[in-house]
Amino acid sequence: SLEAVGAAPKITYRAKVKLDGTNGGIQIFTDGRVAV
């Protein structure tokens, strides 16, 4: 993808262990309502 746009950056990365589960998200609205 980077080559396709002519980009060749130097990027510093940090790794995190990938856990085997299911992706989840919790949305919190400004008025305190919560969606899952």
All heavy atoms as atom14 arrays in JSON, in Angstrom:
{
  "sequence": "SLEAVGAAPKITYRAKVKLDGTNGGIQIFTDGRVAV",
  "atom14_mask": [
    [1, 1, 1, 1, 1, 1, 0, 0, 0, 0, 0, 0, 0, 0],
    [1, 1, 1, 1, 1, 1, 1, 1, 0, 0, 0, 0, 0, 0],
    [1, 1, 1, 1, 1, 1, 1, 1, 1, 0, 0, 0, 0, 0],
    [1, 1, 1, 1, 1, 0, 0, 0, 0, 0, 0, 0, 0, 0],
    [1, 1, 1, 1, 1, 1, 1, 0, 0, 0, 0, 0, 0, 0],
    [1, 1, 1, 1, 0, 0, 0, 0, 0, 0, 0, 0, 0, 0],
    [1, 1, 1, 1, 1, 0, 0, 0, 0, 0, 0, 0, 0, 0],
    [1, 1, 1, 1, 1, 0, 0, 0, 0, 0, 0, 0, 0, 0],
    [1, 1, 1, 1, 1, 1, 1, 0, 0, 0, 0, 0, 0, 0],
    [1, 1, 1, 1, 1, 1, 1, 1, 1, 0, 0, 0, 0, 0],
    [1, 1, 1, 1, 1, 1, 1, 1, 0, 0, 0, 0, 0, 0],
    [1, 1, 1, 1, 1, 1, 1, 0, 0, 0, 0, 0, 0, 0],
    [1, 1, 1, 1, 1, 1, 1, 1, 1, 1, 1, 1, 0, 0],
    [1, 1, 1, 1, 1, 1, 1, 1, 1, 1, 1, 0, 0, 0],
    [1, 1, 1, 1, 1, 0, 0, 0, 0, 0, 0, 0, 0, 0],
    [1, 1, 1, 1, 1, 1, 1, 1, 1, 0, 0, 0, 0, 0],
    [1, 1, 1, 1, 1, 1, 1, 0, 0, 0, 0, 0, 0, 0],
    [1, 1, 1, 1, 1, 1, 1, 1, 1, 0, 0, 0, 0, 0],
    [1, 1, 1, 1, 1, 1, 1, 1, 0, 0, 0, 0, 0, 0],
    [1, 1, 1, 1, 1, 1, 1, 1, 0, 0, 0, 0, 0, 0],
    [1, 1, 1, 1, 0, 0, 0, 0, 0, 0, 0, 0, 0, 0],
    [1, 1, 1, 1, 1, 1, 1, 0, 0, 0, 0, 0, 0, 0],
    [1, 1, 1, 1, 1, 1, 1, 1, 0, 0, 0, 0, 0, 0],
    [1, 1, 1, 1, 0, 0, 0, 0, 0, 0, 0, 0, 0, 0],
    [1, 1, 1, 1, 0, 0, 0, 0, 0, 0, 0, 0, 0, 0],
    [1, 1, 1, 1, 1, 1, 1, 1, 0, 0, 0, 0, 0, 0],
    [1, 1, 1, 1, 1, 1, 1, 1, 1, 0, 0, 0, 0, 0],
    [1, 1, 1, 1, 1, 1, 1, 1, 0, 0, 0, 0, 0, 0],
    [1, 1, 1, 1, 1, 1, 1, 1, 1, 1, 1, 0, 0, 0],
    [1, 1, 1, 1, 1, 1, 1, 0, 0, 0, 0, 0, 0, 0],
    [1, 1, 1, 1, 1, 1, 1, 1, 0, 0, 0, 0, 0, 0],
    [1, 1, 1, 1, 0, 0, 0, 0, 0, 0, 0, 0, 0, 0],
    [1, 1, 1, 1, 1, 1, 1, 1, 1, 1, 1, 0, 0, 0],
    [1, 1, 1, 1, 1, 1, 1, 0, 0, 0, 0, 0, 0, 0],
    [1, 1, 1, 1, 1, 0, 0, 0, 0, 0, 0, 0, 0, 0],
    [1, 1, 1, 1, 1, 1, 1, 0, 0, 0, 0, 0, 0, 0]
  ],
  "atom14_positions": [
    [[0.82, -1.21, 0.0], [0.0, 0.0, 0.0], [0.85, 1.26, 0.0], [0.55, 2.23, -0.69], [-0.92, 0.0, 1.22], [-1.82, -1.09, 1.19], [0.0, 0.0, 0.0], [0.0, 0.0, 0.0], [0.0, 0.0, 0.0], [0.0, 0.0, 0.0], [0.0, 0.0, 0.0], [0.0, 0.0, 0.0], [0.0, 0.0, 0.0], [0.0, 0.0, 0.0]],
    [[1.94, 1.24, 0.78], [2.84, 2.39, 0.82], [3.52, 2.6, -0.52], [3.65, 3.73, -1.0], [3.87, 2.21, 1.93], [3.34, 2.26, 3.37], [4.43, 1.85, 4.36], [2.83, 3.67, 3.7], [0.0, 0.0, 0.0], [0.0, 0.0, 0.0], [0.0, 0.0, 0.0], [0.0, 0.0, 0.0], [0.0, 0.0, 0.0], [0.0, 0.0, 0.0]],
    [[3.94, 1.52, -1.15], [4.59, 1.63, -2.46], [3.63, 2.19, -3.5], [4.04, 2.93, -4.4], [5.11, 0.26, -2.9], [6.35, -0.2, -2.14], [6.84, -1.55, -2.63], [6.08, -2.25, -3.34], [8.01, -1.92, -2.33], [0.0, 0.0, 0.0], [0.0, 0.0, 0.0], [0.0, 0.0, 0.0], [0.0, 0.0, 0.0], [0.0, 0.0, 0.0]],
    [[2.35, 1.84, -3.39], [1.35, 2.29, -4.37], [1.21, 3.81, -4.38], [0.86, 4.39, -5.4], [0.01, 1.63, -4.09], [0.0, 0.0, 0.0], [0.0, 0.0, 0.0], [0.0, 0.0, 0.0], [0.0, 0.0, 0.0], [0.0, 0.0, 0.0], [0.0, 0.0, 0.0], [0.0, 0.0, 0.0], [0.0, 0.0, 0.0], [0.0, 0.0, 0.0]],
    [[1.47, 4.44, -3.23], [1.35, 5.9, -3.16], [2.72, 6.57, -3.14], [2.84, 7.78, -2.88], [0.53, 6.33, -1.93], [-0.89, 5.83, -2.05], [1.17, 5.84, -0.63], [0.0, 0.0, 0.0], [0.0, 0.0, 0.0], [0.0, 0.0, 0.0], [0.0, 0.0, 0.0], [0.0, 0.0, 0.0], [0.0, 0.0, 0.0], [0.0, 0.0, 0.0]],
    [[3.77, 5.79, -3.41], [5.12, 6.34, -3.48], [5.7, 6.74, -2.15], [6.59, 7.6, -2.09], [0.0, 0.0, 0.0], [0.0, 0.0, 0.0], [0.0, 0.0, 0.0], [0.0, 0.0, 0.0], [0.0, 0.0, 0.0], [0.0, 0.0, 0.0], [0.0, 0.0, 0.0], [0.0, 0.0, 0.0], [0.0, 0.0, 0.0], [0.0, 0.0, 0.0]],
    [[5.25, 6.1, -1.07], [5.73, 6.45, 0.27], [6.72, 5.41, 0.76], [6.56, 4.21, 0.51], [4.57, 6.57, 1.24], [0.0, 0.0, 0.0], [0.0, 0.0, 0.0], [0.0, 0.0, 0.0], [0.0, 0.0, 0.0], [0.0, 0.0, 0.0], [0.0, 0.0, 0.0], [0.0, 0.0, 0.0], [0.0, 0.0, 0.0], [0.0, 0.0, 0.0]],
    [[7.75, 5.87, 1.47], [8.76, 4.97, 2.05], [9.18, 5.51, 3.41], [10.34, 5.88, 3.62], [9.96, 4.82, 1.12], [0.0, 0.0, 0.0], [0.0, 0.0, 0.0], [0.0, 0.0, 0.0], [0.0, 0.0, 0.0], [0.0, 0.0, 0.0], [0.0, 0.0, 0.0], [0.0, 0.0, 0.0], [0.0, 0.0, 0.0], [0.0, 0.0, 0.0]],
    [[8.27, 5.56, 4.35], [8.57, 6.19, 5.64], [9.43, 5.32, 6.56], [9.53, 4.1, 6.38], [7.17, 6.37, 6.25], [6.38, 5.23, 5.68], [6.89, 5.03, 4.28], [0.0, 0.0, 0.0], [0.0, 0.0, 0.0], [0.0, 0.0, 0.0], [0.0, 0.0, 0.0], [0.0, 0.0, 0.0], [0.0, 0.0, 0.0], [0.0, 0.0, 0.0]],
    [[10.03, 5.95, 7.54], [10.63, 5.26, 8.68], [9.65, 5.39, 9.84], [9.28, 6.5, 10.21], [11.97, 5.89, 9.07], [13.12, 5.58, 8.17], [14.4, 6.16, 8.74], [15.6, 5.88, 7.84], [16.86, 6.46, 8.4], [0.0, 0.0, 0.0], [0.0, 0.0, 0.0], [0.0, 0.0, 0.0], [0.0, 0.0, 0.0], [0.0, 0.0, 0.0]],
    [[9.23, 4.25, 10.39], [8.2, 4.26, 11.43], [8.7, 3.46, 12.63], [9.17, 2.34, 12.49], [6.88, 3.67, 10.93], [6.38, 4.43, 9.69], [5.82, 3.7, 12.04], [5.16, 3.79, 9.04], [0.0, 0.0, 0.0], [0.0, 0.0, 0.0], [0.0, 0.0, 0.0], [0.0, 0.0, 0.0], [0.0, 0.0, 0.0], [0.0, 0.0, 0.0]],
    [[8.58, 4.06, 13.8], [8.87, 3.35, 15.04], [7.61, 2.65, 15.52], [6.54, 3.26, 15.6], [9.37, 4.31, 16.12], [10.56, 4.96, 15.66], [9.69, 3.56, 17.41], [0.0, 0.0, 0.0], [0.0, 0.0, 0.0], [0.0, 0.0, 0.0], [0.0, 0.0, 0.0], [0.0, 0.0, 0.0], [0.0, 0.0, 0.0], [0.0, 0.0, 0.0]],
    [[7.73, 1.37, 15.83], [6.58, 0.57, 16.25], [6.75, 0.06, 17.68], [7.87, -0.1, 18.19], [6.42, -0.65, 15.33], [5.75, -0.35, 14.0], [6.51, -0.06, 12.88], [4.37, -0.37, 13.89], [5.91, 0.2, 11.66], [3.75, -0.11, 12.67], [4.53, 0.18, 11.56], [3.91, 0.44, 10.35], [0.0, 0.0, 0.0], [0.0, 0.0, 0.0]],
    [[5.61, -0.21, 18.33], [5.53, -0.96, 19.57], [4.55, -2.11, 19.38], [3.52, -1.95, 18.74], [5.05, -0.07, 20.74], [5.93, 1.12, 21.08], [7.34, 0.72, 21.51], [7.43, -0.21, 22.62], [7.5, 0.18, 23.91], [7.49, 1.48, 24.22], [7.63, -0.72, 24.85], [0.0, 0.0, 0.0], [0.0, 0.0, 0.0], [0.0, 0.0, 0.0]],
    [[4.88, -3.25, 19.93], [4.03, -4.43, 19.78], [3.15, -4.63, 21.02], [3.52, -4.25, 22.13], [4.89, -5.68, 19.55], [0.0, 0.0, 0.0], [0.0, 0.0, 0.0], [0.0, 0.0, 0.0], [0.0, 0.0, 0.0], [0.0, 0.0, 0.0], [0.0, 0.0, 0.0], [0.0, 0.0, 0.0], [0.0, 0.0, 0.0], [0.0, 0.0, 0.0]],
    [[1.99, -5.23, 20.79], [1.13, -5.72, 21.87], [0.75, -7.17, 21.54], [0.56, -7.52, 20.37], [-0.13, -4.88, 22.02], [0.11, -3.44, 22.47], [-1.19, -2.69, 22.71], [-0.91, -1.26, 23.12], [-2.17, -0.5, 23.45], [0.0, 0.0, 0.0], [0.0, 0.0, 0.0], [0.0, 0.0, 0.0], [0.0, 0.0, 0.0], [0.0, 0.0, 0.0]],
    [[0.66, -7.99, 22.57], [0.25, -9.37, 22.38], [-1.17, -9.41, 21.83], [-2.05, -8.69, 22.3], [0.32, -10.16, 23.69], [-0.31, -11.54, 23.55], [1.77, -10.3, 24.15], [0.0, 0.0, 0.0], [0.0, 0.0, 0.0], [0.0, 0.0, 0.0], [0.0, 0.0, 0.0], [0.0, 0.0, 0.0], [0.0, 0.0, 0.0], [0.0, 0.0, 0.0]],
    [[-1.39, -10.22, 20.8], [-2.72, -10.39, 20.22], [-3.44, -11.53, 20.93], [-2.99, -12.67, 20.92], [-2.63, -10.69, 18.72], [-3.95, -10.63, 17.99], [-3.77, -10.87, 16.5], [-5.04, -10.52, 15.73], [-6.23, -11.23, 16.22], [0.0, 0.0, 0.0], [0.0, 0.0, 0.0], [0.0, 0.0, 0.0], [0.0, 0.0, 0.0], [0.0, 0.0, 0.0]],
    [[-4.55, -11.23, 21.56], [-5.31, -12.23, 22.29], [-6.35, -12.88, 21.4], [-6.98, -12.23, 20.57], [-5.98, -11.61, 23.51], [-5.04, -11.07, 24.6], [-5.85, -10.44, 25.72], [-4.14, -12.16, 25.14], [0.0, 0.0, 0.0], [0.0, 0.0, 0.0], [0.0, 0.0, 0.0], [0.0, 0.0, 0.0], [0.0, 0.0, 0.0], [0.0, 0.0, 0.0]],
    [[-6.56, -14.15, 21.61], [-7.51, -14.93, 20.83], [-8.89, -14.87, 21.5], [-9.19, -15.62, 22.41], [-7.03, -16.38, 20.74], [-7.8, -17.19, 19.7], [-8.47, -16.59, 18.85], [-7.74, -18.43, 19.75], [0.0, 0.0, 0.0], [0.0, 0.0, 0.0], [0.0, 0.0, 0.0], [0.0, 0.0, 0.0], [0.0, 0.0, 0.0], [0.0, 0.0, 0.0]],
    [[-9.71, -13.94, 21.04], [-11.04, -13.77, 21.59], [-11.96, -13.24, 20.51], [-11.9, -13.67, 19.36], [0.0, 0.0, 0.0], [0.0, 0.0, 0.0], [0.0, 0.0, 0.0], [0.0, 0.0, 0.0], [0.0, 0.0, 0.0], [0.0, 0.0, 0.0], [0.0, 0.0, 0.0], [0.0, 0.0, 0.0], [0.0, 0.0, 0.0], [0.0, 0.0, 0.0]],
    [[-12.81, -12.29, 20.88], [-13.68, -11.64, 19.9], [-13.65, -10.14, 20.15], [-13.69, -9.68, 21.29], [-15.12, -12.19, 19.99], [-15.92, -11.61, 18.95], [-15.76, -11.91, 21.33], [0.0, 0.0, 0.0], [0.0, 0.0, 0.0], [0.0, 0.0, 0.0], [0.0, 0.0, 0.0], [0.0, 0.0, 0.0], [0.0, 0.0, 0.0], [0.0, 0.0, 0.0]],
    [[-13.54, -9.38, 19.07], [-13.42, -7.94, 19.18], [-14.69, -7.33, 19.76], [-15.81, -7.69, 19.39], [-13.13, -7.34, 17.8], [-12.89, -5.85, 17.83], [-13.82, -5.06, 17.73], [-11.64, -5.47, 18.0], [0.0, 0.0, 0.0], [0.0, 0.0, 0.0], [0.0, 0.0, 0.0], [0.0, 0.0, 0.0], [0.0, 0.0, 0.0], [0.0, 0.0, 0.0]],
    [[-14.51, -6.41, 20.7], [-15.65, -5.73, 21.3], [-15.35, -4.25, 21.5], [-14.19, -3.84, 21.62], [0.0, 0.0, 0.0], [0.0, 0.0, 0.0], [0.0, 0.0, 0.0], [0.0, 0.0, 0.0], [0.0, 0.0, 0.0], [0.0, 0.0, 0.0], [0.0, 0.0, 0.0], [0.0, 0.0, 0.0], [0.0, 0.0, 0.0], [0.0, 0.0, 0.0]],
    [[-16.4, -3.45, 21.51], [-16.25, -2.03, 21.73], [-17.37, -1.5, 22.61], [-18.49, -1.99, 22.59], [0.0, 0.0, 0.0], [0.0, 0.0, 0.0], [0.0, 0.0, 0.0], [0.0, 0.0, 0.0], [0.0, 0.0, 0.0], [0.0, 0.0, 0.0], [0.0, 0.0, 0.0], [0.0, 0.0, 0.0], [0.0, 0.0, 0.0], [0.0, 0.0, 0.0]],
    [[-17.03, -0.51, 23.42], [-18.0, 0.14, 24.3], [-18.01, 1.62, 23.97], [-17.01, 2.31, 24.15], [-17.66, -0.07, 25.78], [-17.56, -1.57, 26.1], [-18.71, 0.59, 26.67], [-16.98, -1.85, 27.48], [0.0, 0.0, 0.0], [0.0, 0.0, 0.0], [0.0, 0.0, 0.0], [0.0, 0.0, 0.0], [0.0, 0.0, 0.0], [0.0, 0.0, 0.0]],
    [[-19.14, 2.1, 23.45], [-19.28, 3.52, 23.15], [-19.92, 4.24, 24.34], [-20.92, 3.77, 24.89], [-20.15, 3.73, 21.9], [-19.56, 3.21, 20.61], [-20.36, 3.66, 19.42], [-20.79, 4.83, 19.32], [-20.6, 2.77, 18.47], [0.0, 0.0, 0.0], [0.0, 0.0, 0.0], [0.0, 0.0, 0.0], [0.0, 0.0, 0.0], [0.0, 0.0, 0.0]],
    [[-19.35, 5.38, 24.69], [-19.89, 6.18, 25.79], [-20.21, 7.57, 25.25], [-19.32, 8.32, 24.85], [-18.88, 6.26, 26.95], [-18.49, 4.85, 27.41], [-19.47, 7.06, 28.11], [-17.27, 4.8, 28.27], [0.0, 0.0, 0.0], [0.0, 0.0, 0.0], [0.0, 0.0, 0.0], [0.0, 0.0, 0.0], [0.0, 0.0, 0.0], [0.0, 0.0, 0.0]],
    [[-21.5, 7.89, 25.22], [-21.95, 9.18, 24.72], [-21.69, 10.27, 25.76], [-21.51, 10.0, 26.95], [-23.43, 9.13, 24.37], [-23.76, 8.28, 23.18], [-23.72, 6.89, 23.26], [-24.1, 8.86, 21.97], [-24.02, 6.1, 22.15], [-24.41, 8.07, 20.86], [-24.37, 6.69, 20.96], [0.0, 0.0, 0.0], [0.0, 0.0, 0.0], [0.0, 0.0, 0.0]],
    [[-21.67, 11.51, 25.31], [-21.38, 12.63, 26.21], [-22.43, 12.77, 27.31], [-22.16, 13.34, 28.36], [-21.27, 13.94, 25.43], [-22.48, 14.16, 24.67], [-20.09, 13.89, 24.45], [0.0, 0.0, 0.0], [0.0, 0.0, 0.0], [0.0, 0.0, 0.0], [0.0, 0.0, 0.0], [0.0, 0.0, 0.0], [0.0, 0.0, 0.0], [0.0, 0.0, 0.0]],
    [[-23.66, 12.26, 27.06], [-24.72, 12.35, 28.08], [-24.77, 11.13, 29.0], [-25.69, 10.99, 29.8], [-26.09, 12.56, 27.42], [-26.47, 11.41, 26.47], [-25.73, 10.41, 26.38], [-27.53, 11.53, 25.8], [0.0, 0.0, 0.0], [0.0, 0.0, 0.0], [0.0, 0.0, 0.0], [0.0, 0.0, 0.0], [0.0, 0.0, 0.0], [0.0, 0.0, 0.0]],
    [[-23.77, 10.23, 28.86], [-23.7, 9.07, 29.73], [-24.35, 7.81, 29.2], [-24.26, 6.76, 29.83], [0.0, 0.0, 0.0], [0.0, 0.0, 0.0], [0.0, 0.0, 0.0], [0.0, 0.0, 0.0], [0.0, 0.0, 0.0], [0.0, 0.0, 0.0], [0.0, 0.0, 0.0], [0.0, 0.0, 0.0], [0.0, 0.0, 0.0], [0.0, 0.0, 0.0]],
    [[-25.02, 7.89, 28.04], [-25.57, 6.68, 27.44], [-24.43, 5.77, 26.97], [-23.36, 6.24, 26.6], [-26.49, 7.01, 26.28], [-27.8, 7.67, 26.67], [-28.64, 8.0, 25.44], [-27.94, 8.92, 24.56], [-27.93, 8.85, 23.23], [-28.56, 7.87, 22.61], [-27.27, 9.74, 22.53], [0.0, 0.0, 0.0], [0.0, 0.0, 0.0], [0.0, 0.0, 0.0]],
    [[-24.7, 4.47, 26.98], [-23.67, 3.49, 26.64], [-24.21, 2.54, 25.57], [-25.32, 2.02, 25.69], [-23.25, 2.68, 27.88], [-22.22, 1.61, 27.51], [-22.67, 3.61, 28.96], [0.0, 0.0, 0.0], [0.0, 0.0, 0.0], [0.0, 0.0, 0.0], [0.0, 0.0, 0.0], [0.0, 0.0, 0.0], [0.0, 0.0, 0.0], [0.0, 0.0, 0.0]],
    [[-23.43, 2.33, 24.52], [-23.76, 1.37, 23.48], [-22.64, 0.34, 23.39], [-21.48, 0.64, 23.68], [-23.95, 2.07, 22.13], [0.0, 0.0, 0.0], [0.0, 0.0, 0.0], [0.0, 0.0, 0.0], [0.0, 0.0, 0.0], [0.0, 0.0, 0.0], [0.0, 0.0, 0.0], [0.0, 0.0, 0.0], [0.0, 0.0, 0.0], [0.0, 0.0, 0.0]],
    [[-23.0, -0.86, 22.96], [-22.05, -1.97, 22.91], [-22.0, -2.5, 21.48], [-23.02, -2.57, 20.79], [-22.47, -3.11, 23.87], [-21.31, -4.1, 24.04], [-22.91, -2.57, 25.21], [0.0, 0.0, 0.0], [0.0, 0.0, 0.0], [0.0, 0.0, 0.0], [0.0, 0.0, 0.0], [0.0, 0.0, 0.0], [0.0, 0.0, 0.0], [0.0, 0.0, 0.0]]
  ]
}
